Amino acid sequence: MTHHFICNHCRHENKISISESDRGTYQMQNGDFKDTTCSNCLRKEKTHINDIFGKVSKTLILSSFFTSIVIAVILFFTFRNIIIISSEIIGIPTLLFFYENNLVKSFNVYRIRKK
């Protein structure tokens, strides 16, 4: 999951680094605001954690797809059963996508009360 925010000045979407998987744990450890810098206009501002949203990481999905292709080649030389290979190629990235989508949905739904 990658975290993003939109700059209030230029409306550019920026990527941000947050290690927590939900807003509640981030608030307990770091507070309600995150110091951010826009990569487009270089303006520094404090962004409320409700204005930060999550997205599914495309690099993780693509890397799992290429890993499943490598595993499929190994399975092809081991079993020679096309049903096992085709289900593995589609299954691993699909399961990972649903897991990532569930993490993103739980991050985006949970909101912190603004003071």
Foldseek 3Di string as FASTA:
>chain_A
DWKWAADPPPRDIDTDDDPDLADVVCCVVPNQWDWDADPPPRDTDTDGLLRMADDQDPVVLVVQLVVLVVVLVVCCVVPVDVVVSVCSNPPRSVVVRVVSVVSRVRRNVDDDDDD
